[in-house]
C-alpha cells in the first residue's frame, strides 16, 4: 500500500494504565521518525493523566463513550495513518469509519488461551508486547529504538513523606489474584533497615487498615491519598519498588527504577513483564513456578478459582528481601 505523506498519525489505546504506558515507545519512535507529523492519541477520558505531559503527543482525544461525537472530532483531523494498539471491536469501528491506511498488532489471544488452559509455555513466543506493538507501525518504517518506556510526571503540590530514602510497595492491582497479600507486605516491612511507602487506591488503604497488626514507624501508608501523578512521583523518588503485576509496575520501569515484580496468577511469559531493554538487570521477577494451576487467567480474578491462592501465598518475605538487596547492591 502506498501511503500519502504522513502529516497526522493517530494512535489508539483505550485502556488501561499499564497498557497505555506500554505504548509509549511506539509514540516516541513515531515522533522521532516523522518529526514533521502531528501525533494524536485516542484513549478513554479517565486515563488522560497517564499521557499528560508526554512531549511526543501533539493532541489527546479523550473518549467518554459517545462514538458519534468522537468520530466527528477525529474525522475533522484528516489522519494519514492509524496505529491501532488496542485491537478490539471498538478500535476497529473507529478505523473503518476513518477510512485511512491503518495497521494493528498480533494480540495472540488464541495462543494465550491455549497457554492458560494447557500451561504449555512453548505456545507463547518469547517476545514482549511492546515489540509486538511495533508491528502496527512497521509498514511505515518505524523501528524500536530500545530506549524503554516513557512516563512524564507533572508538577504537583508537595506530598509530605516522613522520611527521605524509602522503598515503594505497590499494594494493589485490579484483580485480587494479582495483589500482594497483606500479610506478606507486613512481613516485608518488618525489615526495619528500610523505610517503606505503601501505594494503592482507597480500597487498598481500607484493606491495610483491617490488618490486626500495626505497621511500624518505618512505614507510611499513602494508599488512597494520592493522585496517579503523585504516586508516580513517589515511585520516581524511591530507592526501589516492590510491585504486583499492575500499572505502577510499568510506570516504575518507565522511570528506570530498580523493581521487584511479584507475580500471582499471571506470568511474565504472557509478555507484559517490566520492559527495560536499556537496563535488563534492573528488575527481578518473583513467582511460584511449577504450580499446575498457574496461570489460571491472562488477566485475573476477584478470588482464587481453587480457593488457596498458593501462587502468592507461597512467596516469602525472605525471597523478596533477598531480591531487593541484590538490586540495591548494583
C-alpha atoms as a PDB file:
ATOM      1  CA  UNK A   1       0.000   0.000   0.000  1.00  0.00           C
ATOM      2  CA  UNK A   2       1.347   3.417  -0.978  1.00  0.00           C
ATOM      3  CA  UNK A   3       0.911   5.997   1.765  1.00  0.00           C
ATOM      4  CA  UNK A   4       0.488   9.682   1.174  1.00  0.00           C
ATOM      5  CA  UNK A   5       2.927  11.949   3.077  1.00  0.00           C
ATOM      6  CA  UNK A   6       2.311  11.479   6.781  1.00  0.00           C
ATOM      7  CA  UNK A   7       1.179  14.735   8.356  1.00  0.00           C
ATOM      8  CA  UNK A   8      -1.144  13.354  11.034  1.00  0.00           C
ATOM      9  CA  UNK A   9      -0.927   9.963  12.739  1.00  0.00           C
ATOM     10  CA  UNK A  10      -3.444   8.587  15.223  1.00  0.00           C
ATOM     11  CA  UNK A  11      -2.530   6.019  17.895  1.00  0.00           C
ATOM     12  CA  UNK A  12      -5.403   4.149  19.561  1.00  0.00           C
ATOM     13  CA  UNK A  13      -5.221   2.568  23.011  1.00  0.00           C
ATOM     14  CA  UNK A  14      -8.283   2.989  25.216  1.00  0.00           C
ATOM     15  CA  UNK A  15      -7.078   1.373  28.452  1.00  0.00           C
ATOM     16  CA  UNK A  16      -5.672   0.691  30.950  1.00  0.00           C
ATOM     17  CA  UNK A  17      -2.857   2.450  32.860  1.00  0.00           C
ATOM     18  CA  UNK A  18      -0.140  -0.142  32.279  1.00  0.00           C
ATOM     19  CA  UNK A  19      -1.205  -0.952  28.723  1.00  0.00           C
ATOM     20  CA  UNK A  20      -1.122   2.722  27.785  1.00  0.00           C
ATOM     21  CA  UNK A  21       2.351   3.175  29.303  1.00  0.00           C
ATOM     22  CA  UNK A  22       3.482   0.187  27.232  1.00  0.00           C
ATOM     23  CA  UNK A  23       2.518   2.042  24.027  1.00  0.00           C
ATOM     24  CA  UNK A  24       4.835   4.983  24.740  1.00  0.00           C
ATOM     25  CA  UNK A  25       7.886   3.613  22.867  1.00  0.00           C
ATOM     26  CA  UNK A  26       5.756   3.483  19.698  1.00  0.00           C
ATOM     27  CA  UNK A  27       4.625   7.074  20.253  1.00  0.00           C
ATOM     28  CA  UNK A  28       8.185   8.285  20.792  1.00  0.00           C
ATOM     29  CA  UNK A  29       9.539   6.444  17.762  1.00  0.00           C
ATOM     30  CA  UNK A  30       6.688   7.727  15.584  1.00  0.00           C
ATOM     31  CA  UNK A  31       7.538  11.302  16.525  1.00  0.00           C
ATOM     32  CA  UNK A  32      11.263  10.820  16.045  1.00  0.00           C
ATOM     33  CA  UNK A  33      10.741   9.111  12.672  1.00  0.00           C
ATOM     34  CA  UNK A  34       8.260  11.741  11.459  1.00  0.00           C
ATOM     35  CA  UNK A  35       9.167  14.938  13.343  1.00  0.00           C
ATOM     36  CA  UNK A  36       7.090  16.999  10.914  1.00  0.00           C
ATOM     37  CA  UNK A  37       3.930  14.987  11.644  1.00  0.00           C
ATOM     38  CA  UNK A  38       1.354  15.552  14.368  1.00  0.00           C
ATOM     39  CA  UNK A  39       0.996  12.546  16.669  1.00  0.00           C
ATOM     40  CA  UNK A  40      -2.503  12.176  18.112  1.00  0.00           C
ATOM     41  CA  UNK A  41      -3.609   9.658  20.755  1.00  0.00           C
ATOM     42  CA  UNK A  42      -7.109   8.316  21.376  1.00  0.00           C
ATOM     43  CA  UNK A  43      -7.799   6.934  24.851  1.00  0.00           C
ATOM     44  CA  UNK A  44     -10.547   6.884  27.474  1.00  0.00           C
ATOM     45  CA  UNK A  45     -11.090  10.128  29.313  1.00  0.00           C
ATOM     46  CA  UNK A  46     -10.308   8.608  32.725  1.00  0.00           C
ATOM     47  CA  UNK A  47      -6.776   7.723  31.575  1.00  0.00           C
ATOM     48  CA  UNK A  48      -5.812  11.209  30.397  1.00  0.00           C
ATOM     49  CA  UNK A  49      -3.344  11.632  33.265  1.00  0.00           C
ATOM     50  CA  UNK A  50      -1.286   8.681  32.046  1.00  0.00           C
ATOM     51  CA  UNK A  51      -0.251  10.653  28.968  1.00  0.00           C
ATOM     52  CA  UNK A  52      -0.300  14.169  30.409  1.00  0.00           C
ATOM     53  CA  UNK A  53       2.949  15.968  29.701  1.00  0.00           C
ATOM     54  CA  UNK A  54       4.135  13.499  27.047  1.00  0.00           C
ATOM     55  CA  UNK A  55       6.123  15.721  24.647  1.00  0.00           C
ATOM     56  CA  UNK A  56       5.767  13.249  21.779  1.00  0.00           C
ATOM     57  CA  UNK A  57       1.979  13.643  21.660  1.00  0.00           C
ATOM     58  CA  UNK A  58       0.604  16.710  19.925  1.00  0.00           C
ATOM     59  CA  UNK A  59      -3.053  16.142  20.779  1.00  0.00           C
ATOM     60  CA  UNK A  60      -5.024  13.844  23.087  1.00  0.00           C
ATOM     61  CA  UNK A  61      -8.532  12.719  22.113  1.00  0.00           C
ATOM     62  CA  UNK A  62     -10.455  11.667  25.216  1.00  0.00           C
ATOM     63  CA  UNK A  63     -13.251   9.172  24.609  1.00  0.00           C
ATOM     64  CA  UNK A  64     -16.209   9.316  27.018  1.00  0.00           C
ATOM     65  CA  UNK A  65     -18.252   6.559  25.363  1.00  0.00           C
ATOM     66  CA  UNK A  66     -20.028   8.688  22.742  1.00  0.00           C
ATOM     67  CA  UNK A  67     -18.872   7.145  19.481  1.00  0.00           C
ATOM     68  CA  UNK A  68     -20.589   9.642  17.160  1.00  0.00           C
ATOM     69  CA  UNK A  69     -19.172  12.729  18.854  1.00  0.00           C
ATOM     70  CA  UNK A  70     -15.655  11.311  18.954  1.00  0.00           C
ATOM     71  CA  UNK A  71     -15.801  10.116  15.350  1.00  0.00           C
ATOM     72  CA  UNK A  72     -16.812  13.589  14.163  1.00  0.00           C
ATOM     73  CA  UNK A  73     -13.871  15.068  16.073  1.00  0.00           C
ATOM     74  CA  UNK A  74     -11.450  12.559  14.600  1.00  0.00           C
ATOM     75  CA  UNK A  75     -12.745  12.963  11.041  1.00  0.00           C
ATOM     76  CA  UNK A  76     -12.015  16.668  11.237  1.00  0.00           C
ATOM     77  CA  UNK A  77      -8.325  15.847  11.701  1.00  0.00           C
ATOM     78  CA  UNK A  78      -7.966  14.010   8.341  1.00  0.00           C
ATOM     79  CA  UNK A  79      -5.447  11.427   9.536  1.00  0.00           C
ATOM     80  CA  UNK A  80      -2.959   9.856   7.162  1.00  0.00           C
ATOM     81  CA  UNK A  81      -2.394   6.725   9.234  1.00  0.00           C
ATOM     82  CA  UNK A  82      -3.911   4.957  12.268  1.00  0.00           C
ATOM     83  CA  UNK A  83      -1.848   2.699  14.532  1.00  0.00           C
ATOM     84  CA  UNK A  84      -4.332   0.522  16.391  1.00  0.00           C
ATOM     85  CA  UNK A  85      -2.653  -0.631  19.609  1.00  0.00           C
ATOM     86  CA  UNK A  86      -5.849  -1.902  21.193  1.00  0.00           C
ATOM     87  CA  UNK A  87      -7.102  -4.282  18.511  1.00  0.00           C
ATOM     88  CA  UNK A  88     -10.704  -4.769  19.597  1.00  0.00           C
ATOM     89  CA  UNK A  89     -14.119  -4.184  18.045  1.00  0.00           C
ATOM     90  CA  UNK A  90     -14.280  -0.572  19.194  1.00  0.00           C
ATOM     91  CA  UNK A  91     -10.905   0.355  17.705  1.00  0.00           C
ATOM     92  CA  UNK A  92     -11.845  -1.499  14.511  1.00  0.00           C
ATOM     93  CA  UNK A  93     -15.044   0.523  14.300  1.00  0.00           C
ATOM     94  CA  UNK A  94     -13.096   3.777  14.501  1.00  0.00           C
ATOM     95  CA  UNK A  95     -10.543   2.600  11.909  1.00  0.00           C
ATOM     96  CA  UNK A  96     -13.203   1.579   9.407  1.00  0.00           C
ATOM     97  CA  UNK A  97     -15.081   4.837   9.851  1.00  0.00           C
ATOM     98  CA  UNK A  98     -11.963   6.977   9.408  1.00  0.00           C
ATOM     99  CA  UNK A  99     -11.179   5.328   6.050  1.00  0.00           C
ATOM    100  CA  UNK A 100      -7.445   5.857   6.022  1.00  0.00           C
ATOM    101  CA  UNK A 101      -4.473   3.467   5.988  1.00  0.00           C
ATOM    102  CA  UNK A 102      -4.051   1.622   9.264  1.00  0.00           C
ATOM    103  CA  UNK A 103      -2.406  -1.354  10.908  1.00  0.00           C
ATOM    104  CA  UNK A 104      -2.566  -3.243  14.193  1.00  0.00           C
ATOM    105  CA  UNK A 105      -0.504  -5.811  16.096  1.00  0.00           C
ATOM    106  CA  UNK A 106      -0.783  -9.552  16.801  1.00  0.00           C
ATOM    107  CA  UNK A 107      -2.802  -9.907  20.005  1.00  0.00           C
ATOM    108  CA  UNK A 108      -2.101 -13.652  20.352  1.00  0.00           C
ATOM    109  CA  UNK A 109      -5.454 -14.313  22.014  1.00  0.00           C
ATOM    110  CA  UNK A 110      -5.587 -17.911  20.780  1.00  0.00           C
ATOM    111  CA  UNK A 111      -2.063 -18.624  21.970  1.00  0.00           C
ATOM    112  CA  UNK A 112      -2.814 -17.029  25.365  1.00  0.00           C
ATOM    113  CA  UNK A 113      -5.991 -19.083  25.696  1.00  0.00           C
ATOM    114  CA  UNK A 114      -4.071 -22.264  24.887  1.00  0.00           C
ATOM    115  CA  UNK A 115      -1.279 -21.361  27.331  1.00  0.00           C
ATOM    116  CA  UNK A 116      -3.757 -20.611  30.153  1.00  0.00           C
ATOM    117  CA  UNK A 117      -5.699 -23.821  29.586  1.00  0.00           C
ATOM    118  CA  UNK A 118      -2.796 -26.214  28.907  1.00  0.00           C
ATOM    119  CA  UNK A 119       0.043 -24.462  30.839  1.00  0.00           C
ATOM    120  CA  UNK A 120       2.314 -25.273  27.873  1.00  0.00           C
ATOM    121  CA  UNK A 121       4.866 -22.497  27.825  1.00  0.00           C
ATOM    122  CA  UNK A 122       6.102 -23.433  24.361  1.00  0.00           C
ATOM    123  CA  UNK A 123       2.969 -21.953  22.763  1.00  0.00           C
ATOM    124  CA  UNK A 124       3.992 -18.441  23.819  1.00  0.00           C
ATOM    125  CA  UNK A 125       6.606 -16.601  21.766  1.00  0.00           C
ATOM    126  CA  UNK A 126       9.459 -15.059  23.722  1.00  0.00           C
ATOM    127  CA  UNK A 127       8.535 -11.506  22.716  1.00  0.00           C
ATOM    128  CA  UNK A 128       7.334  -8.611  24.823  1.00  0.00           C
ATOM    129  CA  UNK A 129       4.069  -6.895  23.943  1.00  0.00           C
ATOM    130  CA  UNK A 130       5.984  -3.662  23.276  1.00  0.00           C
ATOM    131  CA  UNK A 131       7.833  -5.368  20.448  1.00  0.00           C
ATOM    132  CA  UNK A 132       4.522  -6.712  19.134  1.00  0.00           C
ATOM    133  CA  UNK A 133       3.087  -3.190  19.216  1.00  0.00           C
ATOM    134  CA  UNK A 134       5.775  -2.157  16.737  1.00  0.00           C
ATOM    135  CA  UNK A 135       4.212  -4.458  14.153  1.00  0.00           C
ATOM    136  CA  UNK A 136       1.497  -1.807  13.821  1.00  0.00           C
ATOM    137  CA  UNK A 137       3.990   0.783  12.550  1.00  0.00           C
ATOM    138  CA  UNK A 138       6.415  -1.485  10.708  1.00  0.00           C
ATOM    139  CA  UNK A 139       4.768  -0.772   7.341  1.00  0.00           C
ATOM    140  CA  UNK A 140       5.557   2.947   7.669  1.00  0.00           C
ATOM    141  CA  UNK A 141       9.210   2.312   8.516  1.00  0.00           C
ATOM    142  CA  UNK A 142       9.157   2.895  12.294  1.00  0.00           C
ATOM    143  CA  UNK A 143      11.607   0.818  14.313  1.00  0.00           C
ATOM    144  CA  UNK A 144      12.046   0.310  18.043  1.00  0.00           C
ATOM    145  CA  UNK A 145      14.868   2.457  19.465  1.00  0.00           C
ATOM    146  CA  UNK A 146      15.072   0.127  22.503  1.00  0.00           C
ATOM    147  CA  UNK A 147      15.109   3.077  24.907  1.00  0.00           C
ATOM    148  CA  UNK A 148      12.287   1.696  27.019  1.00  0.00           C
ATOM    149  CA  UNK A 149       9.036   3.198  28.259  1.00  0.00           C
ATOM    150  CA  UNK A 150       8.113   6.818  28.949  1.00  0.00           C
ATOM    151  CA  UNK A 151       6.171   8.366  31.794  1.00  0.00           C
ATOM    152  CA  UNK A 152       6.269  12.096  32.356  1.00  0.00           C
ATOM    153  CA  UNK A 153       5.321  13.328  35.809  1.00  0.00           C
ATOM    154  CA  UNK A 154       3.738  16.762  36.064  1.00  0.00           C
ATOM    155  CA  UNK A 155       4.166  19.329  38.866  1.00  0.00           C
ATOM    156  CA  UNK A 156       2.033  18.650  41.944  1.00  0.00           C
ATOM    157  CA  UNK A 157       1.773  20.236  45.392  1.00  0.00           C
ATOM    158  CA  UNK A 158       4.295  18.653  47.762  1.00  0.00           C
ATOM    159  CA  UNK A 159       3.057  15.480  49.424  1.00  0.00           C
ATOM    160  CA  UNK A 160       4.836  15.087  52.754  1.00  0.00           C
ATOM    161  CA  UNK A 161       6.600  11.789  53.388  1.00  0.00           C
ATOM    162  CA  UNK A 162       8.085  11.474  56.894  1.00  0.00           C
ATOM    163  CA  UNK A 163      11.433  10.114  55.694  1.00  0.00           C
ATOM    164  CA  UNK A 164      13.900  10.591  52.860  1.00  0.00           C
ATOM    165  CA  UNK A 165      15.086   7.266  51.499  1.00  0.00           C
ATOM    166  CA  UNK A 166      12.446   4.595  51.124  1.00  0.00           C
ATOM    167  CA  UNK A 167      11.234   1.550  49.221  1.00  0.00           C
ATOM    168  CA  UNK A 168       7.864   1.898  47.464  1.00  0.00           C
ATOM    169  CA  UNK A 169       5.491  -1.063  47.759  1.00  0.00           C
ATOM    170  CA  UNK A 170       2.585  -1.162  45.305  1.00  0.00           C
ATOM    171  CA  UNK A 171      -0.159  -2.896  47.274  1.00  0.00           C
ATOM    172  CA  UNK A 172      -2.977  -3.024  44.784  1.00  0.00           C
ATOM    173  CA  UNK A 173      -3.917  -4.468  41.435  1.00  0.00           C
ATOM    174  CA  UNK A 174      -7.173  -4.646  39.521  1.00  0.00           C
ATOM    175  CA  UNK A 175      -7.686  -8.295  40.468  1.00  0.00           C
ATOM    176  CA  UNK A 176      -7.299  -9.948  43.874  1.00  0.00           C
ATOM    177  CA  UNK A 177      -5.317 -12.812  42.364  1.00  0.00           C
ATOM    178  CA  UNK A 178      -2.587 -10.323  41.401  1.00  0.00           C
ATOM    179  CA  UNK A 179      -2.433  -8.361  44.669  1.00  0.00           C
ATOM    180  CA  UNK A 180       0.489  -8.883  47.038  1.00  0.00           C
ATOM    181  CA  UNK A 181      -1.065 -10.445  50.176  1.00  0.00           C
ATOM    182  CA  UNK A 182      -1.338  -8.064  53.114  1.00  0.00           C
ATOM    183  CA  UNK A 183       0.480 -10.415  55.461  1.00  0.00           C
ATOM    184  CA  UNK A 184       3.358 -10.600  53.007  1.00  0.00           C
ATOM    185  CA  UNK A 185       3.517  -6.793  52.835  1.00  0.00           C
ATOM    186  CA  UNK A 186       3.549  -6.658  56.635  1.00  0.00           C
ATOM    187  CA  UNK A 187       6.335  -9.241  56.831  1.00  0.00           C
ATOM    188  CA  UNK A 188       8.445  -7.319  54.298  1.00  0.00           C
ATOM    189  CA  UNK A 189       8.116  -4.084  56.262  1.00  0.00           C
ATOM    190  CA  UNK A 190       9.323  -5.785  59.449  1.00  0.00           C
ATOM    191  CA  UNK A 191      12.829  -5.376  57.992  1.00  0.00           C
ATOM    192  CA  UNK A 192      13.352  -2.073  59.788  1.00  0.00           C
ATOM    193  CA  UNK A 193      16.606  -1.390  57.984  1.00  0.00           C
ATOM    194  CA  UNK A 194      14.385   0.129  55.264  1.00  0.00           C
ATOM    195  CA  UNK A 195      11.630   2.735  55.231  1.00  0.00           C
ATOM    196  CA  UNK A 196       8.568   1.919  53.142  1.00  0.00           C
ATOM    197  CA  UNK A 197       5.852   3.900  51.357  1.00  0.00           C
ATOM    198  CA  UNK A 198       2.715   1.907  50.539  1.00  0.00           C
ATOM    199  CA  UNK A 199       0.940   2.877  47.316  1.00  0.00           C
ATOM    200  CA  UNK A 200      -2.527   1.991  46.113  1.00  0.00           C
ATOM    201  CA  UNK A 201      -6.083   3.259  45.923  1.00  0.00           C
ATOM    202  CA  UNK A 202      -8.696   3.826  48.636  1.00  0.00           C
ATOM    203  CA  UNK A 203      -9.736   0.166  48.714  1.00  0.00           C
ATOM    204  CA  UNK A 204      -6.107  -0.864  49.305  1.00  0.00           C
ATOM    205  CA  UNK A 205      -5.951   1.566  52.209  1.00  0.00           C
ATOM    206  CA  UNK A 206      -9.081   0.012  53.693  1.00  0.00           C
ATOM    207  CA  UNK A 207      -7.573  -3.475  53.349  1.00  0.00           C
ATOM    208  CA  UNK A 208      -4.419  -2.327  55.103  1.00  0.00           C
ATOM    209  CA  UNK A 209      -6.406  -0.686  57.899  1.00  0.00           C
ATOM    210  CA  UNK A 210      -8.080  -4.047  58.524  1.00  0.00           C
ATOM    211  CA  UNK A 211      -4.760  -5.719  59.377  1.00  0.00           C
ATOM    212  CA  UNK A 212      -4.792  -6.775  63.055  1.00  0.00           C
ATOM    213  CA  UNK A 213      -1.093  -5.905  63.461  1.00  0.00           C
ATOM    214  CA  UNK A 214       0.004  -2.267  63.213  1.00  0.00           C
ATOM    215  CA  UNK A 215       2.800  -1.222  60.871  1.00  0.00           C
ATOM    216  CA  UNK A 216       5.981   0.179  62.386  1.00  0.00           C
ATOM    217  CA  UNK A 217       7.237   3.748  62.307  1.00  0.00           C
ATOM    218  CA  UNK A 218       9.238   2.881  59.181  1.00  0.00           C
ATOM    219  CA  UNK A 219       6.020   2.574  57.120  1.00  0.00           C
ATOM    220  CA  UNK A 220       3.973   5.375  55.563  1.00  0.00           C
ATOM    221  CA  UNK A 221       0.617   4.344  54.122  1.00  0.00           C
ATOM    222  CA  UNK A 222      -0.205   6.603  51.149  1.00  0.00           C
ATOM    223  CA  UNK A 223      -2.946   4.336  49.754  1.00  0.00           C
ATOM    224  CA  UNK A 224      -5.987   6.338  48.663  1.00  0.00           C
ATOM    225  CA  UNK A 225      -4.294   9.648  49.463  1.00  0.00           C
ATOM    226  CA  UNK A 226      -2.602  10.420  46.151  1.00  0.00           C
ATOM    227  CA  UNK A 227      -3.329  11.043  42.503  1.00  0.00           C
ATOM    228  CA  UNK A 228      -1.733   8.804  39.891  1.00  0.00           C
ATOM    229  CA  UNK A 229       0.825  11.503  39.235  1.00  0.00           C
ATOM    230  CA  UNK A 230       1.683  11.818  42.938  1.00  0.00           C
ATOM    231  CA  UNK A 231       2.070   8.041  43.184  1.00  0.00           C
ATOM    232  CA  UNK A 232       4.377   8.161  40.167  1.00  0.00           C
ATOM    233  CA  UNK A 233       6.414  10.914  41.830  1.00  0.00           C
ATOM    234  CA  UNK A 234       6.769   8.719  44.925  1.00  0.00           C
ATOM    235  CA  UNK A 235       7.925   5.867  42.718  1.00  0.00           C
ATOM    236  CA  UNK A 236      10.359   8.210  40.990  1.00  0.00           C
ATOM    237  CA  UNK A 237      11.842   9.366  44.303  1.00  0.00           C
ATOM    238  CA  UNK A 238      12.124   5.874  45.792  1.00  0.00           C
ATOM    239  CA  UNK A 239      15.267   3.763  46.024  1.00  0.00           C
ATOM    240  CA  UNK A 240      13.444   0.745  44.591  1.00  0.00           C
ATOM    241  CA  UNK A 241       9.953  -0.627  44.022  1.00  0.00           C
ATOM    242  CA  UNK A 242       8.217  -3.834  45.075  1.00  0.00           C
ATOM    243  CA  UNK A 243       5.109  -4.277  42.959  1.00  0.00           C
ATOM    244  CA  UNK A 244       2.462  -6.637  41.706  1.00  0.00           C
ATOM    245  CA  UNK A 245       1.607  -7.010  38.008  1.00  0.00           C
ATOM    246  CA  UNK A 246      -0.159  -3.666  37.657  1.00  0.00           C
ATOM    247  CA  UNK A 247       0.068  -0.202  36.119  1.00  0.00           C
ATOM    248  CA  UNK A 248       2.600   1.202  38.577  1.00  0.00           C
ATOM    249  CA  UNK A 249       4.932  -1.686  37.709  1.00  0.00           C
ATOM    250  CA  UNK A 250       5.159  -0.305  34.169  1.00  0.00           C
ATOM    251  CA  UNK A 251       5.456   3.271  35.430  1.00  0.00           C
ATOM    252  CA  UNK A 252       8.364   2.121  37.626  1.00  0.00           C
ATOM    253  CA  UNK A 253      10.011   0.595  34.542  1.00  0.00           C
ATOM    254  CA  UNK A 254       9.445   3.842  32.619  1.00  0.00           C
ATOM    255  CA  UNK A 255      11.165   5.742  35.438  1.00  0.00           C
ATOM    256  CA  UNK A 256      14.138   3.321  35.415  1.00  0.00           C
ATOM    257  CA  UNK A 257      13.514   2.168  38.975  1.00  0.00           C
ATOM    258  CA  UNK A 258      15.012  -0.993  40.394  1.00  0.00           C
ATOM    259  CA  UNK A 259      11.972  -3.242  40.587  1.00  0.00           C
ATOM    260  CA  UNK A 260      10.979  -6.474  42.279  1.00  0.00           C
ATOM    261  CA  UNK A 261       7.913  -7.714  40.371  1.00  0.00           C
ATOM    262  CA  UNK A 262       5.723 -10.143  42.339  1.00  0.00           C
ATOM    263  CA  UNK A 263       3.584 -12.432  40.184  1.00  0.00           C
ATOM    264  CA  UNK A 264       0.377 -14.199  41.214  1.00  0.00           C
ATOM    265  CA  UNK A 265      -1.993 -15.890  38.797  1.00  0.00           C
ATOM    266  CA  UNK A 266      -0.394 -14.232  35.749  1.00  0.00           C
ATOM    267  CA  UNK A 267       3.117 -14.963  34.489  1.00  0.00           C
ATOM    268  CA  UNK A 268       5.935 -12.965  32.863  1.00  0.00           C
ATOM    269  CA  UNK A 269       5.646 -15.296  29.856  1.00  0.00           C
ATOM    270  CA  UNK A 270       2.399 -13.566  28.871  1.00  0.00           C
ATOM    271  CA  UNK A 271       4.692 -10.823  27.564  1.00  0.00           C
ATOM    272  CA  UNK A 272       3.982  -7.948  29.946  1.00  0.00           C
ATOM    273  CA  UNK A 273       6.820  -8.083  32.461  1.00  0.00           C
ATOM    274  CA  UNK A 274       8.809  -4.902  33.236  1.00  0.00           C
ATOM    275  CA  UNK A 275      10.106  -3.586  29.921  1.00  0.00           C
ATOM    276  CA  UNK A 276      13.609  -2.201  30.407  1.00  0.00           C
ATOM    277  CA  UNK A 277      15.707  -3.139  27.362  1.00  0.00           C
ATOM    278  CA  UNK A 278      18.235  -0.459  28.252  1.00  0.00           C
ATOM    279  CA  UNK A 279      18.621  -1.819  31.831  1.00  0.00           C
ATOM    280  CA  UNK A 280      17.687  -5.520  31.770  1.00  0.00           C
ATOM    281  CA  UNK A 281      19.397  -6.164  35.123  1.00  0.00           C
ATOM    282  CA  UNK A 282      17.281  -3.579  36.977  1.00  0.00           C
ATOM    283  CA  UNK A 283      14.320  -5.849  37.694  1.00  0.00           C
ATOM    284  CA  UNK A 284      13.695  -9.269  39.194  1.00  0.00           C
ATOM    285  CA  UNK A 285      10.583 -11.421  38.738  1.00  0.00           C
ATOM    286  CA  UNK A 286       9.428 -13.306  41.838  1.00  0.00           C
ATOM    287  CA  UNK A 287       6.928 -16.086  41.221  1.00  0.00           C
ATOM    288  CA  UNK A 288       5.875 -19.524  42.414  1.00  0.00           C
ATOM    289  CA  UNK A 289       6.929 -21.672  39.489  1.00  0.00           C
ATOM    290  CA  UNK A 290       5.614 -25.136  38.804  1.00  0.00           C
ATOM    291  CA  UNK A 291       2.082 -24.749  40.118  1.00  0.00           C
ATOM    292  CA  UNK A 292      -0.234 -26.898  37.959  1.00  0.00           C
ATOM    293  CA  UNK A 293      -2.993 -24.272  38.186  1.00  0.00           C
ATOM    294  CA  UNK A 294      -0.896 -21.325  37.034  1.00  0.00           C
ATOM    295  CA  UNK A 295      -1.567 -19.256  35.007  1.00  0.00           C
ATOM    296  CA  UNK A 296      -5.311 -19.545  35.592  1.00  0.00           C
ATOM    297  CA  UNK A 297      -6.087 -16.433  33.530  1.00  0.00           C
ATOM    298  CA  UNK A 298      -4.342 -13.933  31.283  1.00  0.00           C
ATOM    299  CA  UNK A 299      -5.868 -11.190  33.451  1.00  0.00           C
ATOM    300  CA  UNK A 300      -7.061 -12.239  36.908  1.00  0.00           C
ATOM    301  CA  UNK A 301      -9.968 -12.965  39.216  1.00  0.00           C
ATOM    302  CA  UNK A 302     -11.566 -11.399  42.260  1.00  0.00           C
ATOM    303  CA  UNK A 303     -10.873 -14.632  44.137  1.00  0.00           C
ATOM    304  CA  UNK A 304      -8.713 -17.686  43.539  1.00  0.00           C
ATOM    305  CA  UNK A 305     -10.623 -20.275  41.455  1.00  0.00           C
ATOM    306  CA  UNK A 306      -9.028 -23.046  43.564  1.00  0.00           C
ATOM    307  CA  UNK A 307      -9.595 -21.262  46.871  1.00  0.00           C
ATOM    308  CA  UNK A 308      -5.958 -21.390  48.039  1.00  0.00           C
ATOM    309  CA  UNK A 309      -4.072 -18.570  46.227  1.00  0.00           C
ATOM    310  CA  UNK A 310      -0.857 -20.609  46.517  1.00  0.00           C
ATOM    311  CA  UNK A 311       0.685 -18.627  43.661  1.00  0.00           C
ATOM    312  CA  UNK A 312       1.049 -15.670  46.039  1.00  0.00           C
ATOM    313  CA  UNK A 313       0.870 -17.229  49.488  1.00  0.00           C
ATOM    314  CA  UNK A 314       3.883 -19.439  48.723  1.00  0.00           C
ATOM    315  CA  UNK A 315       6.098 -16.377  48.202  1.00  0.00           C
ATOM    316  CA  UNK A 316       8.030 -15.310  51.297  1.00  0.00           C
ATOM    317  CA  UNK A 317       9.335 -12.008  52.578  1.00  0.00           C
ATOM    318  CA  UNK A 318      12.840 -13.531  52.581  1.00  0.00           C
ATOM    319  CA  UNK A 319      12.634 -14.130  48.806  1.00  0.00           C
ATOM    320  CA  UNK A 320      11.550 -10.587  48.115  1.00  0.00           C
ATOM    321  CA  UNK A 321      14.055  -9.017  50.508  1.00  0.00           C
ATOM    322  CA  UNK A 322      16.904 -11.049  49.003  1.00  0.00           C
ATOM    323  CA  UNK A 323      15.954  -9.855  45.507  1.00  0.00           C
ATOM    324  CA  UNK A 324      15.673  -6.278  46.770  1.00  0.00           C
ATOM    325  CA  UNK A 325      19.078  -6.382  48.431  1.00  0.00           C
ATOM    326  CA  UNK A 326      20.657  -7.788  45.270  1.00  0.00           C
ATOM    327  CA  UNK A 327      19.196  -4.942  43.182  1.00  0.00           C
ATOM    328  CA  UNK A 328      20.221  -2.251  45.673  1.00  0.00           C
ATOM    329  CA  UNK A 329      23.775  -3.583  45.726  1.00  0.00           C
ATOM    330  CA  UNK A 330      24.204  -2.970  41.973  1.00  0.00           C
END
